């Protein structure tokens, strides 16, 4: 695991690195590990800047309370130790600005801090009544409207426009298969799509039923020993099989870079490649480049499921959402606009 190019006091210590390695061995997704590493570096640098000493295990309640208070206020014009510490964090690249961080960002950093206490079987200072109360008040004071991860959901009509931009070149065939798989298999995250191997695609039922089975070894919500198998049928299944037949790829990475001479290369696409591909297709389709992000495919799947009347539980079996509350947001957005009560004064 790489260490950020930061001052010594902001780098992950040997003990913390060992803890991260232990988490990896237990199957924690790589994205989560990277987030914890960044959060721990931030926390360590903040304490050094604020108190002049490294982290303690367990941490003192006063330090936890100060962390919450310092991150629950706008420091743009507020002079003092909190602003000085924030300026130091900005100088070393761990903080972007002096404005108050989003409550979700504060919650994530606290959750990381608590996780490292649990790994050491130590009590967390964030569990004390005083700190919990301060955290709740900070969350309410800085509550913000929910901002979607994608400006717009890529619903079926938008997806059709993107697919129409895909020609019969290897690049076009690959992009068509990637976009359709990302949407039709439950709204897959971009890292899940690029992590797929040919061996993860089960084709035993394709000739008889037109059905493929996709095995996801790693997702945000499942571990390797819980690898789900998801069905994909219809045009999406045919597009993926067509990609494999045209390229004659039999093993290794499922989706690969395409050379300038329109030949598939042997290496895997970058984990963020779906973002680049989606932007390219948006431009070709005559849409703004920032019309949607890869998460729009995930949001689009759930939105389209709601529009088509699919039960929420059925959609969640494919999207692999653990929280019905989270998945329900997409259904609620659709339901309120389609509610007959909105037509009381319609033309």
Protein backbone atom coordinates (compact mmCIF):
# COMPACT_ATOMS: atom_id res chain seq x y z
CA UNK A 1 0.00 0.00 0.00
CA UNK A 2 1.43 3.37 -1.03
CA UNK A 3 2.01 6.08 1.55
CA UNK A 4 1.02 9.63 0.75
CA UNK A 5 3.87 12.11 0.19
CA UNK A 6 3.27 13.92 3.46
CA UNK A 7 5.29 15.10 6.45
CA UNK A 8 6.41 12.31 8.78
CA UNK A 9 3.80 13.07 11.41
CA UNK A 10 1.03 12.78 8.79
CA UNK A 11 2.19 9.44 7.44
CA UNK A 12 0.80 6.12 8.52
CA UNK A 13 2.96 4.57 11.24
CA UNK A 14 4.23 0.98 11.22
CA UNK A 15 1.51 -0.04 13.67
CA UNK A 16 -1.18 1.60 11.59
CA UNK A 17 0.21 0.04 8.42
CA UNK A 18 0.05 -3.38 10.09
CA UNK A 19 -3.55 -2.70 11.06
CA UNK A 20 -4.41 -1.77 7.48
CA UNK A 21 -2.73 -4.94 6.23
CA UNK A 22 -4.79 -6.97 8.69
CA UNK A 23 -7.94 -5.34 7.34
CA UNK A 24 -6.88 -6.21 3.81
CA UNK A 25 -6.36 -9.84 4.76
CA UNK A 26 -9.88 -9.93 6.09
CA UNK A 27 -11.23 -8.85 2.74
CA UNK A 28 -11.85 -5.14 3.13
CA UNK A 29 -12.42 -3.55 -0.30
CA UNK A 30 -9.36 -1.65 -1.59
CA UNK A 31 -11.34 1.60 -1.91
CA UNK A 32 -12.23 1.44 1.78
CA UNK A 33 -8.61 0.83 2.71
CA UNK A 34 -7.49 3.84 0.72
CA UNK A 35 -10.16 6.00 2.36
CA UNK A 36 -9.07 4.87 5.83
CA UNK A 37 -5.45 5.58 5.00
CA UNK A 38 -6.27 9.13 3.88
CA UNK A 39 -8.48 9.73 6.92
CA UNK A 40 -5.83 8.49 9.32
CA UNK A 41 -3.21 10.73 7.72
CA UNK A 42 -5.58 13.68 8.06
CA UNK A 43 -6.39 12.93 11.69
CA UNK A 44 -2.73 12.48 12.63
CA UNK A 45 -1.74 15.74 10.93
CA UNK A 46 -4.65 17.61 12.51
CA UNK A 47 -3.69 16.51 16.02
CA UNK A 48 -0.05 17.42 15.50
CA UNK A 49 -1.05 20.84 14.18
CA UNK A 50 -3.57 21.39 17.01
CA UNK A 51 -1.81 19.82 20.00
CA UNK A 52 1.80 19.37 18.91
CA UNK A 53 1.83 15.63 19.57
CA UNK A 54 0.92 12.39 17.73
CA UNK A 55 -2.21 10.32 18.13
CA UNK A 56 -2.83 8.41 21.34
CA UNK A 57 -4.54 5.02 21.60
CA UNK A 58 -7.08 5.33 23.04
CA UNK A 59 -7.49 9.00 22.24
CA UNK A 60 -8.51 11.50 24.90
CA UNK A 61 -12.12 12.68 25.01
CA UNK A 62 -11.02 16.33 24.90
CA UNK A 63 -9.17 15.71 21.63
CA UNK A 64 -12.25 14.10 20.08
CA UNK A 65 -14.44 16.99 21.22
CA UNK A 66 -11.99 19.55 19.84
CA UNK A 67 -11.92 17.67 16.51
CA UNK A 68 -15.69 17.97 16.21
CA UNK A 69 -15.80 21.62 17.20
CA UNK A 70 -12.97 22.59 14.83
CA UNK A 71 -14.79 20.89 11.94
CA UNK A 72 -18.23 22.27 12.72
CA UNK A 73 -17.50 25.90 11.89
CA UNK A 74 -16.49 28.06 8.97
CA UNK A 75 -12.89 29.12 9.59
CA UNK A 76 -12.66 31.56 6.68
CA UNK A 77 -12.76 34.64 8.89
CA UNK A 78 -12.43 33.09 12.33
CA UNK A 79 -8.89 33.67 13.55
CA UNK A 80 -7.40 31.35 16.14
CA UNK A 81 -5.84 27.91 16.71
CA UNK A 82 -8.50 26.10 14.68
CA UNK A 83 -7.80 28.25 11.63
CA UNK A 84 -4.04 27.90 12.09
CA UNK A 85 -4.34 24.11 12.15
CA UNK A 86 -6.59 24.16 9.08
CA UNK A 87 -4.09 26.36 7.21
CA UNK A 88 -1.33 23.88 7.97
CA UNK A 89 -3.47 21.03 6.64
CA UNK A 90 -4.15 23.02 3.48
CA UNK A 91 -0.43 23.68 3.05
CA UNK A 92 0.40 19.96 3.05
CA UNK A 93 -2.52 19.05 0.79
CA UNK A 94 -4.80 17.34 3.29
CA UNK A 95 -7.50 20.00 3.31
CA UNK A 96 -8.85 22.09 0.44
CA UNK A 97 -10.38 25.15 2.09
CA UNK A 98 -11.30 26.85 5.33
CA UNK A 99 -15.04 26.48 4.92
CA UNK A 100 -16.89 24.00 7.12
CA UNK A 101 -16.56 20.41 5.83
CA UNK A 102 -19.75 18.57 4.91
CA UNK A 103 -21.28 16.57 7.80
CA UNK A 104 -20.77 13.40 5.75
CA UNK A 105 -17.04 14.10 5.53
CA UNK A 106 -16.80 14.62 9.28
CA UNK A 107 -18.82 11.44 9.90
CA UNK A 108 -16.52 9.43 7.64
CA UNK A 109 -13.35 10.62 9.37
CA UNK A 110 -14.83 9.91 12.79
CA UNK A 111 -15.89 6.44 11.59
CA UNK A 112 -12.33 5.77 10.44
CA UNK A 113 -10.96 6.92 13.81
CA UNK A 114 -13.41 4.65 15.59
CA UNK A 115 -12.47 1.73 13.35
CA UNK A 116 -8.83 1.99 14.37
CA UNK A 117 -9.83 1.99 18.03
CA UNK A 118 -11.86 -1.17 17.45
CA UNK A 119 -8.91 -2.86 15.76
CA UNK A 120 -6.91 -2.30 18.94
CA UNK A 121 -9.85 -3.38 21.11
CA UNK A 122 -9.86 0.06 22.73
CA UNK A 123 -12.78 2.28 23.75
CA UNK A 124 -13.51 5.14 21.40
CA UNK A 125 -13.71 8.69 22.78
CA UNK A 126 -16.52 9.34 20.31
CA UNK A 127 -18.75 7.00 22.33
CA UNK A 128 -18.89 9.24 25.38
CA UNK A 129 -22.19 11.13 25.94
CA UNK A 130 -20.62 14.59 25.73
CA UNK A 131 -18.87 13.89 22.43
CA UNK A 132 -21.93 12.17 20.94
CA UNK A 133 -24.10 15.15 21.85
CA UNK A 134 -21.63 17.57 20.27
CA UNK A 135 -21.51 15.46 17.14
CA UNK A 136 -25.31 15.44 16.82
CA UNK A 137 -25.53 19.21 17.22
CA UNK A 138 -22.74 19.75 14.71
CA UNK A 139 -24.54 17.54 12.20
CA UNK A 140 -27.80 19.49 12.61
CA UNK A 141 -26.08 22.88 12.50
CA UNK A 142 -24.30 22.10 9.23
CA UNK A 143 -26.95 19.98 7.53
CA UNK A 144 -26.96 20.40 3.75
CA UNK A 145 -29.36 19.34 1.00
CA UNK A 146 -28.55 15.96 -0.47
CA UNK A 147 -26.41 16.33 -3.59
CA UNK A 148 -26.68 13.44 -6.06
CA UNK A 149 -23.46 11.74 -7.13
CA UNK A 150 -24.50 12.21 -10.75
CA UNK A 151 -26.19 15.35 -12.13
CA UNK A 152 -28.75 13.15 -13.89
CA UNK A 153 -29.65 9.45 -13.81
CA UNK A 154 -28.89 7.58 -17.03
CA UNK A 155 -32.34 6.10 -17.62
CA UNK A 156 -33.18 3.82 -20.53
CA UNK A 157 -33.94 6.64 -23.00
CA UNK A 158 -30.62 8.34 -22.30
CA UNK A 159 -28.77 5.03 -22.46
CA UNK A 160 -30.26 4.38 -25.90
CA UNK A 161 -28.84 7.69 -27.13
CA UNK A 162 -25.40 6.75 -25.81
CA UNK A 163 -25.56 3.28 -27.37
CA UNK A 164 -26.48 4.80 -30.72
CA UNK A 165 -23.06 6.50 -30.74
CA UNK A 166 -21.28 3.12 -30.57
CA UNK A 167 -20.19 1.88 -34.01
CA UNK A 168 -18.94 -1.57 -35.00
CA UNK A 169 -15.28 -0.90 -34.25
CA UNK A 170 -13.68 -2.74 -31.33
CA UNK A 171 -13.95 0.45 -29.31
CA UNK A 172 -17.61 0.84 -30.13
CA UNK A 173 -18.39 -2.82 -29.39
CA UNK A 174 -16.53 -2.61 -26.06
CA UNK A 175 -18.21 0.62 -25.02
CA UNK A 176 -21.64 -0.75 -25.91
CA UNK A 177 -21.03 -3.89 -23.85
CA UNK A 178 -19.63 -1.94 -20.88
CA UNK A 179 -22.47 0.56 -20.73
CA UNK A 180 -25.14 -2.12 -21.07
CA UNK A 181 -23.53 -4.35 -18.46
CA UNK A 182 -23.12 -1.47 -16.00
CA UNK A 183 -26.81 -0.60 -16.37
CA UNK A 184 -28.55 -3.96 -16.86
CA UNK A 185 -26.74 -5.96 -14.18
CA UNK A 186 -28.06 -3.70 -11.44
CA UNK A 187 -26.22 -0.42 -11.87
CA UNK A 188 -22.68 -1.54 -11.27
CA UNK A 189 -20.04 0.77 -9.84
CA UNK A 190 -17.24 1.69 -12.22
CA UNK A 191 -14.59 -0.24 -10.25
CA UNK A 192 -16.79 -3.36 -10.31
CA UNK A 193 -17.05 -3.20 -14.10
CA UNK A 194 -13.34 -2.79 -14.75
CA UNK A 195 -12.44 -5.50 -12.19
CA UNK A 196 -14.35 -8.20 -14.08
CA UNK A 197 -12.49 -11.07 -15.74
CA UNK A 198 -13.71 -13.31 -18.54
CA UNK A 199 -13.83 -16.12 -15.99
CA UNK A 200 -16.44 -14.14 -14.05
CA UNK A 201 -18.96 -14.45 -16.90
CA UNK A 202 -20.97 -17.67 -16.82
CA UNK A 203 -22.29 -18.59 -20.28
CA UNK A 204 -23.78 -22.04 -19.64
CA UNK A 205 -27.35 -20.73 -19.97
CA UNK A 206 -26.76 -18.33 -22.82
CA UNK A 207 -27.61 -20.53 -25.81
CA UNK A 208 -30.73 -22.01 -24.24
CA UNK A 209 -32.04 -19.00 -22.33
CA UNK A 210 -30.06 -15.97 -23.52
CA UNK A 211 -28.89 -15.59 -19.93
CA UNK A 212 -25.47 -14.75 -18.53
CA UNK A 213 -24.33 -14.98 -14.90
CA UNK A 214 -21.95 -12.32 -13.65
CA UNK A 215 -19.80 -13.05 -10.61
CA UNK A 216 -18.65 -10.03 -8.63
CA UNK A 217 -15.60 -10.92 -6.55
CA UNK A 218 -15.36 -7.54 -4.85
CA UNK A 219 -18.00 -4.92 -4.24
CA UNK A 220 -18.46 -2.08 -1.79
CA UNK A 221 -20.93 -4.16 0.24
CA UNK A 222 -19.71 -7.76 -0.15
CA UNK A 223 -16.50 -9.67 0.52
CA UNK A 224 -14.69 -12.18 -1.68
CA UNK A 225 -16.24 -15.12 0.16
CA UNK A 226 -19.69 -13.63 -0.52
CA UNK A 227 -19.21 -13.10 -4.27
CA UNK A 228 -22.72 -12.65 -5.67
CA UNK A 229 -23.85 -14.06 -9.03
CA UNK A 230 -26.12 -11.69 -10.91
CA UNK A 231 -28.19 -12.50 -14.01
CA UNK A 232 -28.03 -10.47 -17.20
CA UNK A 233 -30.22 -11.18 -20.20
CA UNK A 234 -31.53 -9.75 -23.46
CA UNK A 235 -29.63 -7.16 -25.48
CA UNK A 236 -27.09 -6.59 -22.73
CA UNK A 237 -26.15 -10.27 -22.64
CA UNK A 238 -25.89 -10.42 -26.43
CA UNK A 239 -23.71 -7.29 -26.51
CA UNK A 240 -21.28 -8.79 -24.02
CA UNK A 241 -21.06 -12.13 -25.82
CA UNK A 242 -20.53 -10.27 -29.10
CA UNK A 243 -17.57 -8.43 -27.54
CA UNK A 244 -16.01 -11.74 -26.47
CA UNK A 245 -16.61 -13.39 -29.82
CA UNK A 246 -15.25 -10.51 -31.88
CA UNK A 247 -12.12 -10.09 -29.79
CA UNK A 248 -11.63 -13.83 -29.11
CA UNK A 249 -10.70 -13.02 -25.51
CA UNK A 250 -10.83 -16.24 -23.49
CA UNK A 251 -9.31 -15.27 -20.14
CA UNK A 252 -7.98 -12.36 -18.13
CA UNK A 253 -9.49 -8.86 -17.99
CA UNK A 254 -12.96 -8.67 -19.53
CA UNK A 255 -12.70 -5.07 -20.71
CA UNK A 256 -9.41 -3.74 -22.08
CA UNK A 257 -7.91 -0.62 -23.64
CA UNK A 258 -8.15 -0.31 -27.43
CA UNK A 259 -5.08 0.70 -29.42
CA UNK A 260 -5.02 3.44 -32.06
CA UNK A 261 -5.18 0.66 -34.65
CA UNK A 262 -8.41 -0.55 -32.99
CA UNK A 263 -6.97 -3.67 -31.37
CA UNK A 264 -7.70 -4.80 -27.79
CA UNK A 265 -4.62 -4.65 -25.58
CA UNK A 266 -3.83 -7.38 -23.03
CA UNK A 267 -3.93 -5.18 -19.95
CA UNK A 268 -6.90 -4.17 -17.79
CA UNK A 269 -8.65 -0.83 -18.05
CA UNK A 270 -7.99 1.69 -15.29
CA UNK A 271 -10.53 1.59 -12.49
CA UNK A 272 -11.85 5.01 -13.56
CA UNK A 273 -12.04 4.19 -17.27
CA UNK A 274 -15.83 4.06 -17.30
CA UNK A 275 -15.90 7.77 -16.48
CA UNK A 276 -13.75 8.57 -19.51
CA UNK A 277 -15.80 6.30 -21.76
CA UNK A 278 -19.09 7.78 -20.57
CA UNK A 279 -17.85 11.33 -21.17
CA UNK A 280 -16.73 10.38 -24.68
CA UNK A 281 -20.12 8.88 -25.47
CA UNK A 282 -21.97 11.88 -24.05
CA UNK A 283 -20.05 14.19 -26.38
CA UNK A 284 -20.70 11.95 -29.39
CA UNK A 285 -24.38 11.85 -28.45
CA UNK A 286 -24.55 15.65 -28.42
CA UNK A 287 -24.98 15.91 -24.64
CA UNK A 288 -22.91 18.04 -22.23
CA UNK A 289 -19.80 16.27 -20.98
CA UNK A 290 -20.97 16.81 -17.40
CA UNK A 291 -24.51 15.58 -18.08
CA UNK A 292 -23.92 12.47 -15.96
CA UNK A 293 -21.21 10.50 -14.16
CA UNK A 294 -20.77 6.72 -13.96
CA UNK A 295 -22.97 6.74 -10.85
CA UNK A 296 -25.70 7.93 -13.19
CA UNK A 297 -25.85 4.39 -14.58
CA UNK A 298 -26.48 3.07 -11.09
CA UNK A 299 -29.02 5.77 -10.33
CA UNK A 300 -30.55 5.24 -13.75
CA UNK A 301 -31.08 1.54 -13.16
CA UNK A 302 -33.02 2.16 -9.94
CA UNK A 303 -34.91 5.10 -11.41
CA UNK A 304 -35.92 3.06 -14.45
CA UNK A 305 -36.94 0.15 -12.23
CA UNK A 306 -39.22 2.55 -10.34
CA UNK A 307 -40.65 3.97 -13.57
CA UNK A 308 -41.37 0.46 -14.84
CA UNK A 309 -43.06 -0.54 -11.59
CA UNK A 310 -40.47 -3.09 -10.45
CA UNK A 311 -40.68 -3.78 -6.70
CA UNK A 312 -37.93 -2.12 -4.68
CA UNK A 313 -36.86 -5.47 -3.18
CA UNK A 314 -36.39 -6.94 -6.67
CA UNK A 315 -34.26 -4.00 -7.81
CA UNK A 316 -32.13 -4.20 -4.66
CA UNK A 317 -31.31 -7.85 -5.37
CA UNK A 318 -29.46 -6.64 -8.46
CA UNK A 319 -28.14 -3.30 -7.21
CA UNK A 320 -26.90 -4.97 -3.99
CA UNK A 321 -27.92 -2.02 -1.85
CA UNK A 322 -27.76 -3.00 1.81
CA UNK A 323 -29.99 -0.14 2.89
CA UNK A 324 -33.57 0.01 1.70
CA UNK A 325 -33.63 3.63 2.86
CA UNK A 326 -30.82 4.50 0.43
CA UNK A 327 -32.38 2.67 -2.51
CA UNK A 328 -35.83 4.06 -1.71
CA UNK A 329 -34.60 7.60 -2.44
CA UNK A 330 -34.59 6.83 -6.17
CA UNK A 331 -38.10 5.42 -5.96
CA UNK A 332 -39.30 8.39 -3.92
CA UNK A 333 -37.95 10.84 -6.52
CA UNK A 334 -39.98 9.07 -9.19
CA UNK A 335 -43.10 8.58 -7.14
CA UNK A 336 -43.50 12.22 -6.16
CA UNK A 337 -43.28 13.41 -9.76
CA UNK A 338 -45.71 10.74 -10.97
CA UNK A 339 -48.12 11.20 -8.06
CA UNK A 340 -51.65 11.99 -9.41
CA UNK A 341 -51.93 14.82 -6.86
CA UNK A 342 -49.36 16.78 -8.91
CA UNK A 343 -51.89 16.99 -11.79
CA UNK A 344 -54.70 18.77 -9.91
CA UNK A 345 -54.15 21.92 -11.96
CA UNK A 346 -52.65 20.29 -15.01
CA UNK A 347 -53.51 21.56 -18.50
